[in-house]
Amino acid sequence: GWSLMLDNVQMTLADESEEYAAFVEKFKPKKTTDDCYTPPEIYDVVADWVADRYGLDRADFVRPFWPGGDYEREEYPGGCVVVDNPPFSIFTKCCAFYARHHIPFFLFGPGLTITSCCKYCTAVIVADQITFANGAKVKCNFASNLYGAKIITTAPLLNEYITACESQNQKANL
């Protein structure tokens, strides 16, 4: 590796100063809630709950949100239900799109601004945070057009299932 001699003291990159580390950190891409990928066990718990709650077949669930994907151009077969975690930066736009196209959905949504969807669907409050695959802890709720005319509802059992997941109960700094 690279090294530097200063006053007969050899330094390596591993010996970088705190100041230099802070300087380098400024140039690293920052993670946003759009970079939060759902742990598989969390998706499974949510999808199982949605299937049980509404009598749906998980084989009909589609997940159009992935890096480089375009949910507006995705093929939505008849009878499908979107159960996925969209980028929170376009969350309300996604709800409006699915409502306008009469596509059933149950979406992960931002915890603090979940009611932004209420013009298009029902806000489903679970009131807890989810630890995502990148380690980010984000307050989440859900939005769905499967509830009919309700504006807001709660899902305490779904919340229990999510918080019971192993990925949500790992100690920090293992």
Protein backbone atom coordinates (compact mmCIF):
# COMPACT_ATOMS: atom_id res chain seq x y z
CA GLY A 1 0.00 0.00 0.00
CA TRP A 2 0.89 3.63 -0.01
CA SER A 3 3.01 5.10 2.73
CA LEU A 4 4.50 8.48 3.60
CA MET A 5 7.69 9.32 5.52
CA LEU A 6 7.40 12.32 7.84
CA ASP A 7 10.26 13.06 10.23
CA ASN A 8 11.35 9.42 10.00
CA VAL A 9 7.83 8.24 10.96
CA GLN A 10 6.19 6.08 8.36
CA MET A 11 2.41 6.56 8.01
CA THR A 12 0.03 4.40 6.05
CA LEU A 13 -3.48 5.15 4.90
CA ALA A 14 -4.69 3.09 7.84
CA ASP A 15 -3.16 5.73 10.12
CA GLU A 16 -5.17 8.60 8.62
CA SER A 17 -6.13 11.38 10.94
CA GLU A 18 -9.65 12.04 12.16
CA GLU A 19 -9.61 15.31 10.22
CA TYR A 20 -8.67 13.55 6.98
CA ALA A 21 -11.36 10.88 7.56
CA ALA A 22 -13.98 13.63 8.02
CA PHE A 23 -12.76 15.32 4.82
CA VAL A 24 -13.04 12.09 2.81
CA GLU A 25 -16.47 11.31 4.32
CA LYS A 26 -17.89 14.51 2.77
CA PHE A 27 -17.37 13.03 -0.70
CA LYS A 28 -19.03 9.67 -0.09
CA PRO A 29 -22.55 9.36 -1.51
CA LYS A 30 -25.12 9.84 1.24
CA LYS A 31 -27.76 7.21 1.85
CA THR A 32 -31.36 8.39 1.71
CA THR A 33 -34.61 6.58 2.42
CA ASP A 34 -34.60 5.79 -1.32
CA ASP A 35 -31.54 3.59 -0.65
CA CYS A 36 -33.30 1.50 1.99
CA TYR A 37 -33.82 -2.01 0.70
CA THR A 38 -36.32 -4.14 2.55
CA PRO A 39 -34.87 -7.14 4.41
CA PRO A 40 -36.42 -10.32 2.92
CA GLU A 41 -37.90 -11.40 6.27
CA ILE A 42 -39.68 -8.04 6.63
CA TYR A 43 -41.10 -8.27 3.11
CA ASP A 44 -42.26 -11.85 3.81
CA VAL A 45 -44.01 -10.84 7.05
CA VAL A 46 -45.76 -7.93 5.32
CA ALA A 47 -46.70 -9.99 2.24
CA ASP A 48 -48.01 -12.87 4.40
CA TRP A 49 -50.08 -10.43 6.48
CA VAL A 50 -51.52 -8.78 3.34
CA ALA A 51 -52.35 -12.19 1.84
CA ASP A 52 -54.05 -13.37 5.05
CA ARG A 53 -55.85 -10.07 5.74
CA TYR A 54 -57.35 -9.79 2.24
CA GLY A 55 -57.56 -13.45 1.19
CA LEU A 56 -55.00 -12.90 -1.58
CA ASP A 57 -52.51 -15.28 -3.19
CA ARG A 58 -48.88 -14.17 -2.83
CA ALA A 59 -48.25 -15.56 -6.32
CA ASP A 60 -50.26 -12.54 -7.58
CA PHE A 61 -47.98 -10.02 -5.83
CA VAL A 62 -45.66 -7.93 -7.98
CA ARG A 63 -42.61 -5.91 -6.94
CA PRO A 64 -41.93 -3.19 -9.52
CA PHE A 65 -39.50 -1.16 -7.41
CA TRP A 66 -35.86 -2.08 -8.00
CA PRO A 67 -32.77 -0.06 -9.00
CA GLY A 68 -33.20 1.02 -12.60
CA GLY A 69 -36.83 -0.11 -12.72
CA ASP A 70 -39.70 2.00 -14.04
CA TYR A 71 -42.92 1.25 -12.19
CA GLU A 72 -44.96 3.34 -14.65
CA ARG A 73 -43.89 1.12 -17.57
CA GLU A 74 -44.06 -2.16 -15.66
CA GLU A 75 -46.45 -4.84 -16.90
CA TYR A 76 -49.30 -5.32 -14.41
CA PRO A 77 -51.18 -8.53 -15.20
CA GLY A 78 -54.88 -8.72 -14.37
CA GLY A 79 -55.44 -9.75 -10.76
CA CYS A 80 -52.01 -8.62 -9.59
CA VAL A 81 -51.42 -6.69 -6.36
CA VAL A 82 -48.39 -4.45 -5.87
CA VAL A 83 -46.79 -5.18 -2.49
CA ASP A 84 -43.48 -3.35 -2.38
CA ASN A 85 -41.32 -0.59 -0.94
CA PRO A 86 -41.16 2.36 -3.35
CA PRO A 87 -38.63 5.19 -3.08
CA PHE A 88 -40.10 7.49 -0.44
CA SER A 89 -39.17 10.54 -2.53
CA ILE A 90 -41.91 9.55 -5.02
CA PHE A 91 -44.24 7.77 -2.60
CA THR A 92 -47.35 9.95 -3.11
CA LYS A 93 -46.80 9.93 -6.87
CA CYS A 94 -46.77 6.10 -6.77
CA CYS A 95 -50.03 6.00 -4.76
CA ALA A 96 -51.67 8.38 -7.25
CA PHE A 97 -50.47 6.29 -10.22
CA TYR A 98 -51.88 3.03 -8.84
CA ALA A 99 -55.16 4.65 -7.80
CA ARG A 100 -55.57 6.28 -11.22
CA HIS A 101 -54.90 2.95 -13.00
CA HIS A 102 -57.05 0.89 -10.58
CA ILE A 103 -54.12 -1.34 -9.62
CA PRO A 104 -54.47 -2.78 -6.10
CA PHE A 105 -51.50 -2.00 -3.86
CA PHE A 106 -50.03 -2.19 -0.38
CA LEU A 107 -46.91 -0.02 -0.17
CA PHE A 108 -44.33 0.72 2.48
CA GLY A 109 -44.49 4.44 3.20
CA PRO A 110 -42.79 7.19 5.18
CA GLY A 111 -43.71 7.23 8.84
CA LEU A 112 -43.99 10.95 9.42
CA THR A 113 -45.70 11.99 6.16
CA ILE A 114 -47.85 8.92 5.51
CA THR A 115 -51.06 10.95 5.32
CA SER A 116 -49.83 12.51 2.07
CA CYS A 117 -51.41 9.45 0.41
CA CYS A 118 -54.90 9.90 1.86
CA LYS A 119 -56.24 11.64 -1.24
CA TYR A 120 -55.65 8.37 -3.14
CA CYS A 121 -55.87 5.56 -0.59
CA THR A 122 -55.81 4.55 3.08
CA ALA A 123 -52.90 5.30 5.40
CA VAL A 124 -52.13 2.18 7.45
CA ILE A 125 -50.43 3.14 10.71
CA VAL A 126 -48.11 0.69 12.45
CA ALA A 127 -46.11 3.32 14.40
CA ASP A 128 -42.71 1.65 14.47
CA GLN A 129 -39.43 1.98 12.68
CA ILE A 130 -37.93 -0.65 10.42
CA THR A 131 -34.22 -1.40 10.27
CA PHE A 132 -33.44 -1.78 6.57
CA ALA A 133 -30.71 -3.81 4.86
CA ASN A 134 -28.30 -0.83 4.88
CA GLY A 135 -28.73 -0.43 8.65
CA ALA A 136 -30.91 2.69 8.37
CA LYS A 137 -33.67 2.88 10.95
CA VAL A 138 -36.68 4.53 9.33
CA LYS A 139 -40.14 5.22 10.72
CA CYS A 140 -42.51 3.41 8.37
CA ASN A 141 -46.20 3.02 7.85
CA PHE A 142 -48.08 1.72 4.84
CA ALA A 143 -50.57 2.86 2.21
CA SER A 144 -53.17 0.76 0.45
CA ASN A 145 -56.23 0.96 -1.74
CA LEU A 146 -57.43 -2.43 -0.44
CA TYR A 147 -59.38 -0.86 2.45
CA GLY A 148 -62.19 0.79 0.55
CA ALA A 149 -63.31 4.22 1.79
CA LYS A 150 -61.24 4.42 5.00
CA ILE A 151 -58.82 7.33 5.20
CA ILE A 152 -56.67 6.04 8.07
CA THR A 153 -56.53 2.72 9.88
CA THR A 154 -54.15 0.90 12.20
CA ALA A 155 -52.57 -2.53 11.91
CA PRO A 156 -51.27 -3.49 15.35
CA LEU A 157 -50.87 -7.18 14.44
CA LEU A 158 -48.70 -6.28 11.42
CA ASN A 159 -46.62 -4.09 13.71
CA GLU A 160 -46.14 -7.04 16.10
CA TYR A 161 -45.05 -9.30 13.23
CA ILE A 162 -42.53 -6.73 11.97
CA THR A 163 -41.01 -6.00 15.38
CA ALA A 164 -40.68 -9.74 16.09
CA CYS A 165 -38.39 -10.25 13.06
CA GLU A 166 -34.81 -11.19 13.86
CA SER A 167 -33.42 -8.34 11.72
CA GLN A 168 -35.30 -5.87 13.92
CA ASN A 169 -33.91 -7.24 17.15
CA GLN A 170 -30.18 -7.41 16.46
CA LYS A 171 -27.96 -5.51 18.82
CA ALA A 172 -26.08 -2.56 17.38
CA ASN A 173 -22.30 -3.08 17.19
CA LEU A 174 -22.31 -6.87 17.11
